[in-house]
């Protein structure tokens, strides 16, 4: 009997200790995420944690660039929200169950979002501890996890409790290597979505080649030796392919080199022009000067090009320059000028005309290009 009583006291003491520890944890506000983090840290090896941290470095840099971009939650955009939305609180949803980043990083993002919403001076931001707390209860020898805002009723109750009329629900994650930030302003009374936005950086496409085709307004002429009028042909067709590389000096400068060919497409029985050229190109983005921040190939560029050409085995220098406009992710158009010194080249015999033709001068260049 004494042994049984002693065993019983030991069991009761163990149970009391367990409940005391759980009560102590709850009194200090330990959340389910805190518990899962503690367990995970114990199971992970140091090398695994290092790899995880290194993986998140690039994500953090990209999110900071997204949050710092000029178009991110501008005053004009925030003023699109209904005027009766005045008192707000922030709540991160979805990712609370599927965490991709350290919790402190989510806190940084939320702080940046708060700063953006406070800038127009029309919103008052209320702290919502219920939005950040996950309660852990022990019921019938099982752990139960209670999240405060799992229903519209809970949303309304918490909104009334902290005195807000709306919640800013947000989530942050990576998609195809780029940051995505989803935001919704939801009425705390009825759960109605008042306003929503998605922000995502355009992927930094690194092109390696571009194919292009141009029209040159240069004239090719052949003098008459008889009663016939001189022959004049325009425009010329130019097409080529070149490499495309981002400069290490500045991310806004690109250079490339390649090969191109040019010829006349009309009256080739009178003048048969054909030339080959090795060309080099420099292009500088203007987006930053226009107040547009981009991470990929720009929308507006000025370019310059110089080429060493052969026209019927005669060497000639061709120089070009102008403005390039990107139409979509891969294609662009440009308008500019082309210049080459006047040069003569041999042409097939033609009755009543000289045996040579002349090419040269200053004229326009229209180009359509495709990058890949």
Protein backbone atom coordinates (compact mmCIF):
# COMPACT_ATOMS: atom_id res chain seq x y z
CA UNK A 1 0.00 0.00 0.00
CA UNK A 2 2.84 2.32 0.83
CA UNK A 3 4.47 1.62 -2.55
CA UNK A 4 1.20 2.25 -4.40
CA UNK A 5 0.61 5.50 -2.56
CA UNK A 6 4.14 6.58 -3.35
CA UNK A 7 3.72 5.81 -7.08
CA UNK A 8 0.45 7.71 -7.12
CA UNK A 9 2.09 10.77 -5.58
CA UNK A 10 4.84 10.61 -8.24
CA UNK A 11 2.28 10.48 -11.08
CA UNK A 12 0.31 13.40 -9.60
CA UNK A 13 3.54 15.36 -9.22
CA UNK A 14 4.48 14.73 -12.88
CA UNK A 15 1.05 15.87 -14.07
CA UNK A 16 1.26 19.01 -11.97
CA UNK A 17 4.69 19.76 -13.41
CA UNK A 18 3.42 19.37 -16.97
CA UNK A 19 0.46 21.70 -16.39
CA UNK A 20 2.71 24.20 -14.62
CA UNK A 21 5.11 24.31 -17.59
CA UNK A 22 2.26 24.73 -20.09
CA UNK A 23 0.72 27.49 -17.96
CA UNK A 24 4.09 29.21 -17.73
CA UNK A 25 4.54 29.10 -21.51
CA UNK A 26 1.07 30.49 -22.10
CA UNK A 27 1.57 33.26 -19.55
CA UNK A 28 4.61 34.43 -21.52
CA UNK A 29 2.64 34.43 -24.81
CA UNK A 30 4.44 31.52 -26.50
CA UNK A 31 2.73 30.83 -29.81
CA UNK A 32 2.38 27.73 -31.93
CA UNK A 33 4.89 29.16 -34.34
CA UNK A 34 7.34 29.69 -31.49
CA UNK A 35 6.96 26.07 -30.43
CA UNK A 36 7.36 24.77 -33.95
CA UNK A 37 10.42 26.95 -34.42
CA UNK A 38 12.02 25.58 -31.25
CA UNK A 39 11.40 22.02 -32.33
CA UNK A 40 12.68 22.71 -35.83
CA UNK A 41 15.86 24.38 -34.59
CA UNK A 42 16.67 21.33 -32.51
CA UNK A 43 16.20 18.98 -35.45
CA UNK A 44 18.06 21.02 -38.07
CA UNK A 45 21.77 20.80 -38.50
CA UNK A 46 23.81 23.99 -38.60
CA UNK A 47 24.69 23.51 -42.26
CA UNK A 48 21.00 23.28 -43.16
CA UNK A 49 20.28 26.54 -41.37
CA UNK A 50 23.16 28.23 -43.13
CA UNK A 51 21.83 27.12 -46.50
CA UNK A 52 18.35 28.38 -45.59
CA UNK A 53 19.68 31.75 -44.52
CA UNK A 54 21.75 32.12 -47.66
CA UNK A 55 18.74 31.23 -49.77
CA UNK A 56 16.70 33.98 -48.12
CA UNK A 57 19.32 36.68 -48.67
CA UNK A 58 18.41 37.12 -52.33
CA UNK A 59 14.71 37.12 -51.51
CA UNK A 60 15.16 39.84 -48.90
CA UNK A 61 17.09 42.06 -51.30
CA UNK A 62 14.40 41.66 -53.94
CA UNK A 63 11.59 42.40 -51.48
CA UNK A 64 13.39 45.51 -50.26
CA UNK A 65 13.79 46.67 -53.86
CA UNK A 66 10.07 46.03 -54.50
CA UNK A 67 9.00 47.88 -51.35
CA UNK A 68 11.32 50.78 -52.18
CA UNK A 69 10.21 51.20 -55.80
CA UNK A 70 8.50 54.55 -56.62
CA UNK A 71 5.24 52.93 -57.74
CA UNK A 72 4.85 50.83 -54.61
CA UNK A 73 1.75 52.06 -52.70
CA UNK A 74 2.05 55.61 -53.97
CA UNK A 75 -0.12 58.33 -52.43
CA UNK A 76 -2.25 58.37 -55.57
CA UNK A 77 -2.84 54.62 -55.30
CA UNK A 78 -3.75 54.77 -51.61
CA UNK A 79 -6.19 57.59 -52.28
CA UNK A 80 -8.15 55.17 -54.45
CA UNK A 81 -9.29 53.39 -51.28
CA UNK A 82 -12.80 54.31 -50.11
CA UNK A 83 -12.77 57.51 -48.09
CA UNK A 84 -14.61 55.98 -45.13
CA UNK A 85 -11.68 53.61 -44.58
CA UNK A 86 -9.88 55.44 -41.81
CA UNK A 87 -8.84 53.13 -38.96
CA UNK A 88 -6.88 50.10 -40.09
CA UNK A 89 -4.88 47.19 -38.71
CA UNK A 90 -2.54 44.83 -40.51
CA UNK A 91 -2.92 41.06 -40.65
CA UNK A 92 -0.71 38.62 -42.53
CA UNK A 93 -2.78 35.72 -43.81
CA UNK A 94 -2.03 32.38 -45.46
CA UNK A 95 1.69 32.55 -44.79
CA UNK A 96 1.02 32.26 -41.07
CA UNK A 97 0.51 28.57 -41.71
CA UNK A 98 3.03 28.23 -44.53
CA UNK A 99 6.04 30.27 -43.50
CA UNK A 100 8.68 30.84 -46.14
CA UNK A 101 10.82 33.44 -44.37
CA UNK A 102 12.01 34.19 -40.84
CA UNK A 103 9.37 35.90 -38.72
CA UNK A 104 11.54 38.98 -38.25
CA UNK A 105 11.57 39.46 -42.02
CA UNK A 106 7.77 39.50 -42.11
CA UNK A 107 7.90 42.14 -39.36
CA UNK A 108 10.16 44.28 -41.55
CA UNK A 109 7.76 44.00 -44.49
CA UNK A 110 4.79 44.93 -42.32
CA UNK A 111 6.65 47.93 -40.94
CA UNK A 112 7.38 49.16 -44.47
CA UNK A 113 3.70 48.73 -45.36
CA UNK A 114 2.67 50.71 -42.29
CA UNK A 115 5.01 53.53 -43.30
CA UNK A 116 3.44 53.60 -46.76
CA UNK A 117 -0.11 53.80 -45.38
CA UNK A 118 0.79 56.50 -42.86
CA UNK A 119 2.33 58.74 -45.51
CA UNK A 120 -0.98 60.22 -46.87
CA UNK A 121 -1.98 61.14 -43.26
CA UNK A 122 -5.53 59.88 -43.84
CA UNK A 123 -5.18 56.50 -42.07
CA UNK A 124 -4.68 55.74 -38.41
CA UNK A 125 -2.94 52.40 -37.88
CA UNK A 126 -3.90 50.35 -34.83
CA UNK A 127 -1.79 47.58 -33.38
CA UNK A 128 -3.55 44.21 -33.47
CA UNK A 129 -1.90 41.75 -31.12
CA UNK A 130 -4.70 39.28 -31.77
CA UNK A 131 -3.63 39.27 -35.43
CA UNK A 132 -0.14 38.09 -34.49
CA UNK A 133 -0.94 35.65 -31.69
CA UNK A 134 -1.71 31.99 -32.05
CA UNK A 135 -3.03 30.39 -28.87
CA UNK A 136 -2.09 26.85 -27.86
CA UNK A 137 -4.53 25.01 -25.58
CA UNK A 138 -4.31 21.56 -24.03
CA UNK A 139 -7.71 19.88 -24.25
CA UNK A 140 -8.39 16.23 -23.53
CA UNK A 141 -4.66 15.51 -23.58
CA UNK A 142 -4.32 17.00 -27.09
CA UNK A 143 -2.94 20.30 -28.28
CA UNK A 144 -5.45 22.65 -29.97
CA UNK A 145 -4.32 25.62 -32.07
CA UNK A 146 -6.65 28.61 -32.19
CA UNK A 147 -6.10 31.42 -34.68
CA UNK A 148 -8.02 34.60 -33.95
CA UNK A 149 -9.15 35.54 -37.47
CA UNK A 150 -10.25 32.25 -38.94
CA UNK A 151 -13.76 33.53 -39.75
CA UNK A 152 -15.59 36.72 -40.67
CA UNK A 153 -17.18 36.74 -37.22
CA UNK A 154 -13.78 36.66 -35.54
CA UNK A 155 -12.65 39.39 -37.91
CA UNK A 156 -15.60 41.58 -36.91
CA UNK A 157 -15.17 40.83 -33.19
CA UNK A 158 -11.48 41.71 -33.21
CA UNK A 159 -12.15 44.80 -35.32
CA UNK A 160 -14.73 46.02 -32.81
CA UNK A 161 -12.44 45.20 -29.91
CA UNK A 162 -9.46 47.23 -31.19
CA UNK A 163 -11.62 49.95 -32.79
CA UNK A 164 -10.83 49.63 -36.50
CA UNK A 165 -13.13 49.73 -39.50
CA UNK A 166 -10.88 47.79 -41.88
CA UNK A 167 -8.04 45.27 -42.00
CA UNK A 168 -5.15 45.28 -44.45
CA UNK A 169 -4.69 41.60 -45.23
CA UNK A 170 -1.34 40.87 -46.85
CA UNK A 171 0.88 38.00 -47.87
CA UNK A 172 4.40 37.81 -49.26
CA UNK A 173 6.02 34.98 -51.17
CA UNK A 174 8.40 34.19 -54.02
CA UNK A 175 7.15 33.10 -57.44
CA UNK A 176 9.60 32.02 -60.15
CA UNK A 177 12.42 33.68 -58.28
CA UNK A 178 10.64 37.05 -57.94
CA UNK A 179 8.88 38.63 -54.92
CA UNK A 180 5.09 38.88 -54.88
CA UNK A 181 3.13 41.03 -52.44
CA UNK A 182 -0.67 40.73 -52.27
CA UNK A 183 -2.70 43.35 -50.39
CA UNK A 184 -6.43 43.57 -49.63
CA UNK A 185 -8.32 46.13 -47.61
CA UNK A 186 -11.26 44.28 -46.04
CA UNK A 187 -14.14 45.79 -44.08
CA UNK A 188 -14.07 44.64 -40.46
CA UNK A 189 -17.88 44.79 -40.30
CA UNK A 190 -18.94 42.52 -43.15
CA UNK A 191 -15.70 41.16 -44.68
CA UNK A 192 -16.23 43.09 -47.93
CA UNK A 193 -13.11 43.58 -50.05
CA UNK A 194 -12.77 47.35 -50.41
CA UNK A 195 -9.49 47.47 -52.37
CA UNK A 196 -6.85 45.04 -53.60
CA UNK A 197 -3.47 45.18 -55.30
CA UNK A 198 -0.72 42.79 -56.33
CA UNK A 199 2.86 43.95 -56.67
CA UNK A 200 5.52 41.88 -58.38
CA UNK A 201 8.90 42.68 -59.83
CA UNK A 202 9.31 41.97 -63.49
CA UNK A 203 11.84 39.14 -63.88
CA UNK A 204 15.31 40.37 -64.76
CA UNK A 205 15.55 38.85 -68.21
CA UNK A 206 19.12 38.50 -69.40
CA UNK A 207 19.07 38.38 -73.18
CA UNK A 208 22.06 37.06 -75.06
CA UNK A 209 21.17 37.67 -78.72
CA UNK A 210 19.05 39.95 -80.85
CA UNK A 211 17.91 39.64 -84.44
CA UNK A 212 16.97 42.82 -86.30
CA UNK A 213 15.86 44.10 -89.66
CA UNK A 214 16.16 47.73 -90.79
CA UNK A 215 15.20 50.05 -93.59
CA UNK A 216 17.82 52.59 -94.60
CA UNK A 217 16.77 55.69 -96.51
CA UNK A 218 20.15 55.79 -98.27
CA UNK A 219 20.06 56.17 -102.03
CA UNK A 220 21.98 54.11 -104.51
CA UNK A 221 22.41 55.88 -107.85
CA UNK A 222 23.79 55.04 -111.28
CA UNK A 223 24.55 57.75 -113.80
CA UNK A 224 23.25 57.69 -117.34
CA UNK A 225 25.69 57.93 -120.26
CA UNK A 226 22.97 58.51 -122.84
CA UNK A 227 19.54 60.03 -123.13
CA UNK A 228 18.06 58.02 -120.27
CA UNK A 229 17.60 59.50 -116.78
CA UNK A 230 19.86 58.54 -113.90
CA UNK A 231 18.75 55.56 -111.80
CA UNK A 232 18.13 56.17 -108.09
CA UNK A 233 17.04 53.39 -105.70
CA UNK A 234 15.87 53.72 -102.11
CA UNK A 235 15.48 52.36 -99.43
CA UNK A 236 17.92 49.57 -98.61
CA UNK A 237 17.10 46.51 -96.53
CA UNK A 238 19.48 45.61 -93.69
CA UNK A 239 19.27 42.55 -91.42
CA UNK A 240 21.61 40.98 -88.94
CA UNK A 241 22.21 39.22 -85.64
CA UNK A 242 24.34 40.33 -82.70
CA UNK A 243 25.21 39.40 -79.15
CA UNK A 244 23.81 41.42 -76.24
CA UNK A 245 25.65 41.83 -72.93
CA UNK A 246 25.05 43.97 -69.84
CA UNK A 247 28.08 46.11 -69.00
CA UNK A 248 29.93 45.66 -65.72
CA UNK A 249 30.45 49.43 -65.52
CA UNK A 250 26.75 50.15 -65.01
CA UNK A 251 23.64 47.98 -65.26
CA UNK A 252 22.08 50.55 -67.61
CA UNK A 253 24.67 50.10 -70.35
CA UNK A 254 24.59 47.29 -72.91
CA UNK A 255 26.94 46.37 -75.70
CA UNK A 256 26.97 43.84 -78.51
CA UNK A 257 28.66 42.89 -81.74
CA UNK A 258 27.56 40.87 -84.73
CA UNK A 259 27.25 40.52 -88.45
CA UNK A 260 24.75 42.11 -90.83
CA UNK A 261 23.98 42.27 -94.56
CA UNK A 262 22.32 44.99 -96.64
CA UNK A 263 20.99 45.12 -100.19
CA UNK A 264 18.44 46.79 -102.42
CA UNK A 265 15.25 44.81 -103.02
CA UNK A 266 14.00 46.66 -106.12
CA UNK A 267 15.46 47.15 -109.63
CA UNK A 268 18.20 44.63 -109.01
CA UNK A 269 18.49 44.15 -112.77
CA UNK A 270 19.74 47.76 -112.93
CA UNK A 271 21.72 47.99 -109.68
CA UNK A 272 22.64 44.89 -107.74
CA UNK A 273 23.93 46.11 -104.37
CA UNK A 274 25.01 43.68 -101.66
CA UNK A 275 27.20 44.33 -98.65
CA UNK A 276 28.38 42.60 -95.48
CA UNK A 277 29.38 44.32 -92.24
CA UNK A 278 30.81 43.55 -88.82
CA UNK A 279 29.10 45.88 -86.36
CA UNK A 280 29.41 46.94 -82.72
CA UNK A 281 26.62 48.56 -80.69
CA UNK A 282 26.27 50.48 -77.41
CA UNK A 283 22.87 51.17 -75.80
CA UNK A 284 22.13 53.22 -72.67
CA UNK A 285 18.82 53.01 -70.79
CA UNK A 286 16.94 56.26 -70.19
CA UNK A 287 14.33 54.85 -67.78
CA UNK A 288 16.10 56.09 -64.65
CA UNK A 289 16.34 59.62 -66.11
CA UNK A 290 12.58 59.52 -66.76
CA UNK A 291 11.86 58.45 -63.19
CA UNK A 292 11.15 54.82 -64.09
CA UNK A 293 12.97 52.18 -62.04
CA UNK A 294 13.45 48.83 -63.72
CA UNK A 295 15.47 45.72 -63.03
CA UNK A 296 15.35 44.31 -66.54
CA UNK A 297 16.09 45.63 -70.02
CA UNK A 298 14.71 49.17 -70.23
CA UNK A 299 11.81 50.67 -72.17
CA UNK A 300 13.74 53.62 -73.60
CA UNK A 301 17.34 53.52 -74.80
CA UNK A 302 19.66 55.61 -76.91
CA UNK A 303 22.03 53.62 -79.05
CA UNK A 304 25.05 54.08 -81.26
CA UNK A 305 26.59 51.64 -83.71
CA UNK A 306 29.60 51.48 -85.98
CA UNK A 307 30.32 48.88 -88.63
CA UNK A 308 33.11 47.93 -90.97
CA UNK A 309 31.43 47.00 -94.24
CA UNK A 310 32.39 45.59 -97.60
CA UNK A 311 30.41 46.70 -100.67
CA UNK A 312 31.45 44.61 -103.66
CA UNK A 313 34.86 44.12 -101.94
CA UNK A 314 35.22 47.85 -101.27
CA UNK A 315 35.64 48.75 -97.55
CA UNK A 316 33.36 51.40 -96.07
CA UNK A 317 32.53 52.61 -92.53
CA UNK A 318 28.85 52.80 -91.50
CA UNK A 319 27.74 54.67 -88.38
CA UNK A 320 24.25 54.66 -86.86
CA UNK A 321 22.45 56.11 -83.83
CA UNK A 322 18.99 56.84 -82.49
CA UNK A 323 16.26 56.01 -79.99
CA UNK A 324 15.14 52.47 -79.20
CA UNK A 325 11.72 51.70 -77.67
CA UNK A 326 10.82 48.31 -76.22
CA UNK A 327 7.33 47.18 -77.29
CA UNK A 328 7.10 44.10 -75.08
CA UNK A 329 9.36 41.71 -73.22
CA UNK A 330 11.31 40.60 -76.29
CA UNK A 331 10.70 42.94 -79.23
CA UNK A 332 11.63 46.56 -79.87
CA UNK A 333 11.55 49.25 -82.55
CA UNK A 334 14.03 52.05 -83.11
CA UNK A 335 14.25 55.19 -85.19
CA UNK A 336 17.49 56.94 -85.96
CA UNK A 337 19.97 57.91 -88.59
CA UNK A 338 22.59 56.11 -90.69
CA UNK A 339 25.62 57.66 -92.33
CA UNK A 340 28.36 56.44 -94.65
CA UNK A 341 30.82 58.26 -96.85
CA UNK A 342 30.01 58.19 -100.53
CA UNK A 343 31.59 55.19 -102.21
CA UNK A 344 31.56 53.76 -105.72
CA UNK A 345 31.26 50.08 -106.52
CA UNK A 346 31.15 48.10 -109.71
CA UNK A 347 27.84 47.13 -111.23
CA UNK A 348 26.88 44.74 -114.04
CA UNK A 349 27.05 46.32 -117.52
CA UNK A 350 23.87 48.09 -118.57
CA UNK A 351 23.41 49.81 -121.93
CA UNK A 352 23.33 53.61 -121.57
CA UNK A 353 24.65 53.65 -117.97
CA UNK A 354 27.97 53.85 -116.19
CA UNK A 355 29.64 50.62 -115.05
CA UNK A 356 29.77 51.93 -111.48
CA UNK A 357 27.12 52.94 -108.94
CA UNK A 358 27.35 55.24 -105.90
CA UNK A 359 26.16 54.66 -102.34
CA UNK A 360 26.46 57.06 -99.42
CA UNK A 361 25.12 60.03 -97.47
CA UNK A 362 23.00 60.63 -94.36
CA UNK A 363 19.46 59.29 -93.99
CA UNK A 364 16.97 57.63 -91.65
CA UNK A 365 17.02 54.14 -90.17
CA UNK A 366 13.89 52.25 -89.02
CA UNK A 367 14.49 48.99 -87.17
CA UNK A 368 12.45 46.14 -85.78
CA UNK A 369 14.28 43.75 -83.46
CA UNK A 370 13.68 40.59 -81.46
CA UNK A 371 15.72 39.48 -78.42
CA UNK A 372 16.20 35.93 -77.23
